[in-house]
ModelCIF file with pLDDT and N, C-alpha, C, O atoms, coordinates in Angstrom:
data_MODEL
#
_entry.id   MODEL 
#
_entity.id                         1 
_entity.type                       polymer 
_entity.pdbx_number_of_molecules   1 
#
_entity_poly.entity_id                      1 
_entity_poly.type                           'polypeptide(L)' 
_entity_poly.nstd_linkage                   no 
_entity_poly.nstd_monomer                   no 
_entity_poly.pdbx_seq_one_letter_code       LIFIISFTLSTAPGSGVLVLLTAVCAAYGSGIEDGF 
_entity_poly.pdbx_seq_one_letter_code_can   LIFIISFTLSTAPGSGVLVLLTAVCAAYGSGIEDGF 
_entity_poly.pdbx_strand_id                 A 
#
loop_
_entity_poly_seq.entity_id 
_entity_poly_seq.num 
_entity_poly_seq.mon_id 
_entity_poly_seq.hetero 
1 1  LEU n 
1 2  ILE n 
1 3  PHE n 
1 4  ILE n 
1 5  ILE n 
1 6  SER n 
1 7  PHE n 
1 8  THR n 
1 9  LEU n 
1 10 SER n 
1 11 THR n 
1 12 ALA n 
1 13 PRO n 
1 14 GLY n 
1 15 SER n 
1 16 GLY n 
1 17 VAL n 
1 18 LEU n 
1 19 VAL n 
1 20 LEU n 
1 21 LEU n 
1 22 THR n 
1 23 ALA n 
1 24 VAL n 
1 25 CYS n 
1 26 ALA n 
1 27 ALA n 
1 28 TYR n 
1 29 GLY n 
1 30 SER n 
1 31 GLY n 
1 32 ILE n 
1 33 GLU n 
1 34 ASP n 
1 35 GLY n 
1 36 PHE n 
#
_struct_asym.id          A 
_struct_asym.entity_id   1 
#
loop_
_ma_qa_metric.id 
_ma_qa_metric.mode 
_ma_qa_metric.name 
_ma_qa_metric.software_group_id 
_ma_qa_metric.type 
1 global pLDDT . pLDDT 
2 local  pLDDT . pLDDT 
#
_ma_qa_metric_global.metric_id      1 
_ma_qa_metric_global.metric_value   86.11 
_ma_qa_metric_global.model_id       1 
_ma_qa_metric_global.ordinal_id     1 
#
loop_
_ma_qa_metric_local.label_asym_id 
_ma_qa_metric_local.label_comp_id 
_ma_qa_metric_local.label_seq_id 
_ma_qa_metric_local.metric_id 
_ma_qa_metric_local.metric_value 
_ma_qa_metric_local.model_id 
_ma_qa_metric_local.ordinal_id 
A LEU 1  2 94.00 1 1  
A ILE 2  2 95.00 1 2  
A PHE 3  2 95.00 1 3  
A ILE 4  2 94.00 1 4  
A ILE 5  2 92.00 1 5  
A SER 6  2 92.00 1 6  
A PHE 7  2 91.00 1 7  
A THR 8  2 87.00 1 8  
A LEU 9  2 88.00 1 9  
A SER 10 2 84.00 1 10 
A THR 11 2 82.00 1 11 
A ALA 12 2 83.00 1 12 
A PRO 13 2 86.00 1 13 
A GLY 14 2 81.00 1 14 
A SER 15 2 84.00 1 15 
A GLY 16 2 87.00 1 16 
A VAL 17 2 91.00 1 17 
A LEU 18 2 90.00 1 18 
A VAL 19 2 90.00 1 19 
A LEU 20 2 91.00 1 20 
A LEU 21 2 91.00 1 21 
A THR 22 2 90.00 1 22 
A ALA 23 2 89.00 1 23 
A VAL 24 2 91.00 1 24 
A CYS 25 2 88.00 1 25 
A ALA 26 2 86.00 1 26 
A ALA 27 2 87.00 1 27 
A TYR 28 2 86.00 1 28 
A GLY 29 2 77.00 1 29 
A SER 30 2 73.00 1 30 
A GLY 31 2 73.00 1 31 
A ILE 32 2 77.00 1 32 
A GLU 33 2 77.00 1 33 
A ASP 34 2 78.00 1 34 
A GLY 35 2 79.00 1 35 
A PHE 36 2 81.00 1 36 
#
loop_
_atom_site.group_PDB 
_atom_site.id 
_atom_site.type_symbol 
_atom_site.label_atom_id 
_atom_site.label_alt_id 
_atom_site.label_comp_id 
_atom_site.label_asym_id 
_atom_site.label_entity_id 
_atom_site.label_seq_id 
_atom_site.pdbx_PDB_ins_code 
_atom_site.Cartn_x 
_atom_site.Cartn_y 
_atom_site.Cartn_z 
_atom_site.occupancy 
_atom_site.B_iso_or_equiv 
_atom_site.pdbx_formal_charge 
_atom_site.auth_seq_id 
_atom_site.auth_comp_id 
_atom_site.auth_asym_id 
_atom_site.auth_atom_id 
_atom_site.pdbx_PDB_model_num 
ATOM 1   N N  . LEU A 1 1  ? 1.187   9.581   -1.971 1.00 94.00 ? 1  LEU A N  1 
ATOM 2   C CA . LEU A 1 1  ? 0.895   8.453   -1.083 1.00 94.00 ? 1  LEU A CA 1 
ATOM 3   C C  . LEU A 1 1  ? 1.880   7.308   -1.302 1.00 94.00 ? 1  LEU A C  1 
ATOM 4   O O  . LEU A 1 1  ? 2.422   6.755   -0.345 1.00 94.00 ? 1  LEU A O  1 
ATOM 5   N N  . ILE A 1 2  ? 2.107   6.960   -2.560 1.00 95.00 ? 2  ILE A N  1 
ATOM 6   C CA . ILE A 1 2  ? 3.019   5.855   -2.862 1.00 95.00 ? 2  ILE A CA 1 
ATOM 7   C C  . ILE A 1 2  ? 4.428   6.175   -2.369 1.00 95.00 ? 2  ILE A C  1 
ATOM 8   O O  . ILE A 1 2  ? 5.094   5.328   -1.773 1.00 95.00 ? 2  ILE A O  1 
ATOM 9   N N  . PHE A 1 3  ? 4.872   7.400   -2.621 1.00 95.00 ? 3  PHE A N  1 
ATOM 10  C CA . PHE A 1 3  ? 6.215   7.811   -2.221 1.00 95.00 ? 3  PHE A CA 1 
ATOM 11  C C  . PHE A 1 3  ? 6.392   7.735   -0.705 1.00 95.00 ? 3  PHE A C  1 
ATOM 12  O O  . PHE A 1 3  ? 7.393   7.202   -0.225 1.00 95.00 ? 3  PHE A O  1 
ATOM 13  N N  . ILE A 1 4  ? 5.433   8.261   0.046  1.00 94.00 ? 4  ILE A N  1 
ATOM 14  C CA . ILE A 1 4  ? 5.543   8.302   1.504  1.00 94.00 ? 4  ILE A CA 1 
ATOM 15  C C  . ILE A 1 4  ? 5.405   6.907   2.117  1.00 94.00 ? 4  ILE A C  1 
ATOM 16  O O  . ILE A 1 4  ? 6.223   6.509   2.946  1.00 94.00 ? 4  ILE A O  1 
ATOM 17  N N  . ILE A 1 5  ? 4.371   6.163   1.710  1.00 92.00 ? 5  ILE A N  1 
ATOM 18  C CA . ILE A 1 5  ? 4.105   4.875   2.334  1.00 92.00 ? 5  ILE A CA 1 
ATOM 19  C C  . ILE A 1 5  ? 5.181   3.847   1.987  1.00 92.00 ? 5  ILE A C  1 
ATOM 20  O O  . ILE A 1 5  ? 5.383   2.886   2.729  1.00 92.00 ? 5  ILE A O  1 
ATOM 21  N N  . SER A 1 6  ? 5.873   4.043   0.860  1.00 92.00 ? 6  SER A N  1 
ATOM 22  C CA . SER A 1 6  ? 6.912   3.080   0.464  1.00 92.00 ? 6  SER A CA 1 
ATOM 23  C C  . SER A 1 6  ? 8.049   3.002   1.477  1.00 92.00 ? 6  SER A C  1 
ATOM 24  O O  . SER A 1 6  ? 8.786   2.017   1.497  1.00 92.00 ? 6  SER A O  1 
ATOM 25  N N  . PHE A 1 7  ? 8.204   4.019   2.315  1.00 91.00 ? 7  PHE A N  1 
ATOM 26  C CA . PHE A 1 7  ? 9.267   4.013   3.316  1.00 91.00 ? 7  PHE A CA 1 
ATOM 27  C C  . PHE A 1 7  ? 8.878   3.233   4.570  1.00 91.00 ? 7  PHE A C  1 
ATOM 28  O O  . PHE A 1 7  ? 9.656   3.172   5.522  1.00 91.00 ? 7  PHE A O  1 
ATOM 29  N N  . THR A 1 8  ? 7.700   2.643   4.585  1.00 87.00 ? 8  THR A N  1 
ATOM 30  C CA . THR A 1 8  ? 7.235   1.912   5.773  1.00 87.00 ? 8  THR A CA 1 
ATOM 31  C C  . THR A 1 8  ? 7.162   0.409   5.535  1.00 87.00 ? 8  THR A C  1 
ATOM 32  O O  . THR A 1 8  ? 6.470   -0.298  6.268  1.00 87.00 ? 8  THR A O  1 
ATOM 33  N N  . LEU A 1 9  ? 7.866   -0.090  4.521  1.00 88.00 ? 9  LEU A N  1 
ATOM 34  C CA . LEU A 1 9  ? 7.742   -1.499  4.123  1.00 88.00 ? 9  LEU A CA 1 
ATOM 35  C C  . LEU A 1 9  ? 8.798   -2.396  4.750  1.00 88.00 ? 9  LEU A C  1 
ATOM 36  O O  . LEU A 1 9  ? 9.079   -3.472  4.223  1.00 88.00 ? 9  LEU A O  1 
ATOM 37  N N  . SER A 1 10 ? 9.380   -1.982  5.851  1.00 84.00 ? 10 SER A N  1 
ATOM 38  C CA . SER A 1 10 ? 10.463  -2.758  6.447  1.00 84.00 ? 10 SER A CA 1 
ATOM 39  C C  . SER A 1 10 ? 10.011  -4.123  6.958  1.00 84.00 ? 10 SER A C  1 
ATOM 40  O O  . SER A 1 10 ? 10.843  -5.000  7.189  1.00 84.00 ? 10 SER A O  1 
ATOM 41  N N  . THR A 1 11 ? 8.700   -4.314  7.138  1.00 82.00 ? 11 THR A N  1 
ATOM 42  C CA . THR A 1 11 ? 8.203   -5.610  7.616  1.00 82.00 ? 11 THR A CA 1 
ATOM 43  C C  . THR A 1 11 ? 7.753   -6.526  6.478  1.00 82.00 ? 11 THR A C  1 
ATOM 44  O O  . THR A 1 11 ? 7.220   -7.607  6.726  1.00 82.00 ? 11 THR A O  1 
ATOM 45  N N  . ALA A 1 12 ? 7.966   -6.099  5.237  1.00 83.00 ? 12 ALA A N  1 
ATOM 46  C CA . ALA A 1 12 ? 7.473   -6.881  4.096  1.00 83.00 ? 12 ALA A CA 1 
ATOM 47  C C  . ALA A 1 12 ? 8.573   -7.087  3.061  1.00 83.00 ? 12 ALA A C  1 
ATOM 48  O O  . ALA A 1 12 ? 8.487   -6.535  1.964  1.00 83.00 ? 12 ALA A O  1 
ATOM 49  N N  . PRO A 1 13 ? 9.608   -7.870  3.382  1.00 86.00 ? 13 PRO A N  1 
ATOM 50  C CA . PRO A 1 13 ? 10.689  -8.081  2.412  1.00 86.00 ? 13 PRO A CA 1 
ATOM 51  C C  . PRO A 1 13 ? 10.293  -8.928  1.220  1.00 86.00 ? 13 PRO A C  1 
ATOM 52  O O  . PRO A 1 13 ? 10.933  -8.856  0.171  1.00 86.00 ? 13 PRO A O  1 
ATOM 53  N N  . GLY A 1 14 ? 9.229   -9.745  1.363  1.00 81.00 ? 14 GLY A N  1 
ATOM 54  C CA . GLY A 1 14 ? 8.845   -10.634 0.276  1.00 81.00 ? 14 GLY A CA 1 
ATOM 55  C C  . GLY A 1 14 ? 7.459   -10.401 -0.275 1.00 81.00 ? 14 GLY A C  1 
ATOM 56  O O  . GLY A 1 14 ? 6.962   -11.212 -1.057 1.00 81.00 ? 14 GLY A O  1 
ATOM 57  N N  . SER A 1 15 ? 6.815   -9.297  0.119  1.00 84.00 ? 15 SER A N  1 
ATOM 58  C CA . SER A 1 15 ? 5.460   -9.007  -0.383 1.00 84.00 ? 15 SER A CA 1 
ATOM 59  C C  . SER A 1 15 ? 5.228   -7.511  -0.486 1.00 84.00 ? 15 SER A C  1 
ATOM 60  O O  . SER A 1 15 ? 4.111   -7.035  -0.285 1.00 84.00 ? 15 SER A O  1 
ATOM 61  N N  . GLY A 1 16 ? 6.277   -6.772  -0.798 1.00 87.00 ? 16 GLY A N  1 
ATOM 62  C CA . GLY A 1 16 ? 6.215   -5.318  -0.764 1.00 87.00 ? 16 GLY A CA 1 
ATOM 63  C C  . GLY A 1 16 ? 5.152   -4.697  -1.644 1.00 87.00 ? 16 GLY A C  1 
ATOM 64  O O  . GLY A 1 16 ? 4.449   -3.784  -1.210 1.00 87.00 ? 16 GLY A O  1 
ATOM 65  N N  . VAL A 1 17 ? 5.020   -5.175  -2.884 1.00 91.00 ? 17 VAL A N  1 
ATOM 66  C CA . VAL A 1 17 ? 4.063   -4.577  -3.818 1.00 91.00 ? 17 VAL A CA 1 
ATOM 67  C C  . VAL A 1 17 ? 2.635   -4.720  -3.312 1.00 91.00 ? 17 VAL A C  1 
ATOM 68  O O  . VAL A 1 17 ? 1.866   -3.759  -3.318 1.00 91.00 ? 17 VAL A O  1 
ATOM 69  N N  . LEU A 1 18 ? 2.285   -5.928  -2.874 1.00 90.00 ? 18 LEU A N  1 
ATOM 70  C CA . LEU A 1 18 ? 0.917   -6.156  -2.408 1.00 90.00 ? 18 LEU A CA 1 
ATOM 71  C C  . LEU A 1 18 ? 0.621   -5.334  -1.154 1.00 90.00 ? 18 LEU A C  1 
ATOM 72  O O  . LEU A 1 18 ? -0.456  -4.749  -1.036 1.00 90.00 ? 18 LEU A O  1 
ATOM 73  N N  . VAL A 1 19 ? 1.562   -5.286  -0.225 1.00 90.00 ? 19 VAL A N  1 
ATOM 74  C CA . VAL A 1 19 ? 1.353   -4.533  1.014  1.00 90.00 ? 19 VAL A CA 1 
ATOM 75  C C  . VAL A 1 19 ? 1.257   -3.046  0.723  1.00 90.00 ? 19 VAL A C  1 
ATOM 76  O O  . VAL A 1 19 ? 0.407   -2.360  1.291  1.00 90.00 ? 19 VAL A O  1 
ATOM 77  N N  . LEU A 1 20 ? 2.118   -2.536  -0.156 1.00 91.00 ? 20 LEU A N  1 
ATOM 78  C CA . LEU A 1 20 ? 2.073   -1.116  -0.500 1.00 91.00 ? 20 LEU A CA 1 
ATOM 79  C C  . LEU A 1 20 ? 0.794   -0.767  -1.245 1.00 91.00 ? 20 LEU A C  1 
ATOM 80  O O  . LEU A 1 20 ? 0.181   0.268   -0.984 1.00 91.00 ? 20 LEU A O  1 
ATOM 81  N N  . LEU A 1 21 ? 0.389   -1.632  -2.175 1.00 91.00 ? 21 LEU A N  1 
ATOM 82  C CA . LEU A 1 21 ? -0.876  -1.392  -2.893 1.00 91.00 ? 21 LEU A CA 1 
ATOM 83  C C  . LEU A 1 21 ? -2.056  -1.361  -1.930 1.00 91.00 ? 21 LEU A C  1 
ATOM 84  O O  . LEU A 1 21 ? -2.935  -0.506  -2.038 1.00 91.00 ? 21 LEU A O  1 
ATOM 85  N N  . THR A 1 22 ? -2.068  -2.292  -0.998 1.00 90.00 ? 22 THR A N  1 
ATOM 86  C CA . THR A 1 22 ? -3.149  -2.349  -0.011 1.00 90.00 ? 22 THR A CA 1 
ATOM 87  C C  . THR A 1 22 ? -3.202  -1.072  0.813  1.00 90.00 ? 22 THR A C  1 
ATOM 88  O O  . THR A 1 22 ? -4.275  -0.506  1.022  1.00 90.00 ? 22 THR A O  1 
ATOM 89  N N  . ALA A 1 23 ? -2.043  -0.620  1.281  1.00 89.00 ? 23 ALA A N  1 
ATOM 90  C CA . ALA A 1 23 ? -1.992  0.583   2.112  1.00 89.00 ? 23 ALA A CA 1 
ATOM 91  C C  . ALA A 1 23 ? -2.392  1.823   1.322  1.00 89.00 ? 23 ALA A C  1 
ATOM 92  O O  . ALA A 1 23 ? -3.106  2.683   1.838  1.00 89.00 ? 23 ALA A O  1 
ATOM 93  N N  . VAL A 1 24 ? -1.936  1.921   0.072  1.00 91.00 ? 24 VAL A N  1 
ATOM 94  C CA . VAL A 1 24 ? -2.270  3.090   -0.747 1.00 91.00 ? 24 VAL A CA 1 
ATOM 95  C C  . VAL A 1 24 ? -3.758  3.094   -1.087 1.00 91.00 ? 24 VAL A C  1 
ATOM 96  O O  . VAL A 1 24 ? -4.393  4.148   -1.065 1.00 91.00 ? 24 VAL A O  1 
ATOM 97  N N  . CYS A 1 25 ? -4.317  1.932   -1.398 1.00 88.00 ? 25 CYS A N  1 
ATOM 98  C CA . CYS A 1 25 ? -5.756  1.847   -1.681 1.00 88.00 ? 25 CYS A CA 1 
ATOM 99  C C  . CYS A 1 25 ? -6.576  2.280   -0.468 1.00 88.00 ? 25 CYS A C  1 
ATOM 100 O O  . CYS A 1 25 ? -7.558  3.010   -0.605 1.00 88.00 ? 25 CYS A O  1 
ATOM 101 N N  . ALA A 1 26 ? -6.171  1.830   0.710  1.00 86.00 ? 26 ALA A N  1 
ATOM 102 C CA . ALA A 1 26 ? -6.890  2.201   1.927  1.00 86.00 ? 26 ALA A CA 1 
ATOM 103 C C  . ALA A 1 26 ? -6.788  3.688   2.195  1.00 86.00 ? 26 ALA A C  1 
ATOM 104 O O  . ALA A 1 26 ? -7.765  4.310   2.611  1.00 86.00 ? 26 ALA A O  1 
ATOM 105 N N  . ALA A 1 27 ? -5.608  4.273   1.961  1.00 87.00 ? 27 ALA A N  1 
ATOM 106 C CA . ALA A 1 27 ? -5.429  5.706   2.201  1.00 87.00 ? 27 ALA A CA 1 
ATOM 107 C C  . ALA A 1 27 ? -6.137  6.539   1.143  1.00 87.00 ? 27 ALA A C  1 
ATOM 108 O O  . ALA A 1 27 ? -6.650  7.616   1.446  1.00 87.00 ? 27 ALA A O  1 
ATOM 109 N N  . TYR A 1 28 ? -6.171  6.056   -0.094 1.00 86.00 ? 28 TYR A N  1 
ATOM 110 C CA . TYR A 1 28 ? -6.808  6.802   -1.186 1.00 86.00 ? 28 TYR A CA 1 
ATOM 111 C C  . TYR A 1 28 ? -8.326  6.798   -1.052 1.00 86.00 ? 28 TYR A C  1 
ATOM 112 O O  . TYR A 1 28 ? -8.976  7.802   -1.343 1.00 86.00 ? 28 TYR A O  1 
ATOM 113 N N  . GLY A 1 29 ? -8.896  5.677   -0.614 1.00 77.00 ? 29 GLY A N  1 
ATOM 114 C CA . GLY A 1 29 ? -10.345 5.589   -0.421 1.00 77.00 ? 29 GLY A CA 1 
ATOM 115 C C  . GLY A 1 29 ? -11.104 5.626   -1.728 1.00 77.00 ? 29 GLY A C  1 
ATOM 116 O O  . GLY A 1 29 ? -10.687 5.019   -2.715 1.00 77.00 ? 29 GLY A O  1 
ATOM 117 N N  . SER A 1 30 ? -12.216 6.336   -1.737 1.00 73.00 ? 30 SER A N  1 
ATOM 118 C CA . SER A 1 30 ? -13.049 6.520   -2.944 1.00 73.00 ? 30 SER A CA 1 
ATOM 119 C C  . SER A 1 30 ? -13.601 5.207   -3.470 1.00 73.00 ? 30 SER A C  1 
ATOM 120 O O  . SER A 1 30 ? -13.851 5.084   -4.669 1.00 73.00 ? 30 SER A O  1 
ATOM 121 N N  . GLY A 1 31 ? -13.797 4.229   -2.605 1.00 73.00 ? 31 GLY A N  1 
ATOM 122 C CA . GLY A 1 31 ? -14.414 2.976   -3.010 1.00 73.00 ? 31 GLY A CA 1 
ATOM 123 C C  . GLY A 1 31 ? -13.503 1.988   -3.679 1.00 73.00 ? 31 GLY A C  1 
ATOM 124 O O  . GLY A 1 31 ? -13.981 1.004   -4.244 1.00 73.00 ? 31 GLY A O  1 
ATOM 125 N N  . ILE A 1 32 ? -12.196 2.210   -3.640 1.00 77.00 ? 32 ILE A N  1 
ATOM 126 C CA . ILE A 1 32 ? -11.275 1.267   -4.299 1.00 77.00 ? 32 ILE A CA 1 
ATOM 127 C C  . ILE A 1 32 ? -10.384 0.573   -3.259 1.00 77.00 ? 32 ILE A C  1 
ATOM 128 O O  . ILE A 1 32 ? -9.275  0.139   -3.572 1.00 77.00 ? 32 ILE A O  1 
ATOM 129 N N  . GLU A 1 33 ? -10.876 0.477   -2.034 1.00 77.00 ? 33 GLU A N  1 
ATOM 130 C CA . GLU A 1 33 ? -10.066 -0.113  -0.971 1.00 77.00 ? 33 GLU A CA 1 
ATOM 131 C C  . GLU A 1 33 ? -9.640  -1.544  -1.275 1.00 77.00 ? 33 GLU A C  1 
ATOM 132 O O  . GLU A 1 33 ? -8.585  -1.983  -0.817 1.00 77.00 ? 33 GLU A O  1 
ATOM 133 N N  . ASP A 1 34 ? -10.447 -2.280  -2.045 1.00 78.00 ? 34 ASP A N  1 
ATOM 134 C CA . ASP A 1 34 ? -10.125 -3.667  -2.394 1.00 78.00 ? 34 ASP A CA 1 
ATOM 135 C C  . ASP A 1 34 ? -9.613  -3.803  -3.822 1.00 78.00 ? 34 ASP A C  1 
ATOM 136 O O  . ASP A 1 34 ? -9.591  -4.901  -4.379 1.00 78.00 ? 34 ASP A O  1 
ATOM 137 N N  . GLY A 1 35 ? -9.204  -2.684  -4.411 1.00 79.00 ? 35 GLY A N  1 
ATOM 138 C CA . GLY A 1 35 ? -8.773  -2.711  -5.813 1.00 79.00 ? 35 GLY A CA 1 
ATOM 139 C C  . GLY A 1 35 ? -7.529  -3.543  -6.060 1.00 79.00 ? 35 GLY A C  1 
ATOM 140 O O  . GLY A 1 35 ? -7.320  -4.035  -7.169 1.00 79.00 ? 35 GLY A O  1 
ATOM 141 N N  . PHE A 1 36 ? -6.709  -3.703  -5.048 1.00 81.00 ? 36 PHE A N  1 
ATOM 142 C CA . PHE A 1 36 ? -5.473  -4.478  -5.209 1.00 81.00 ? 36 PHE A CA 1 
ATOM 143 C C  . PHE A 1 36 ? -5.737  -5.934  -5.555 1.00 81.00 ? 36 PHE A C  1 
ATOM 144 O O  . PHE A 1 36 ? -4.795  -6.709  -5.721 1.00 81.00 ? 36 PHE A O  1 
#
């Protein structure tokens, strides 16, 4: 998930980690959607 979604961060030059964490948490599910 991290590897694939990391290629979609072109709109987040100054907040990449938070945006990627948010997207990975949402895709992973299992009750950790707000873990970031």
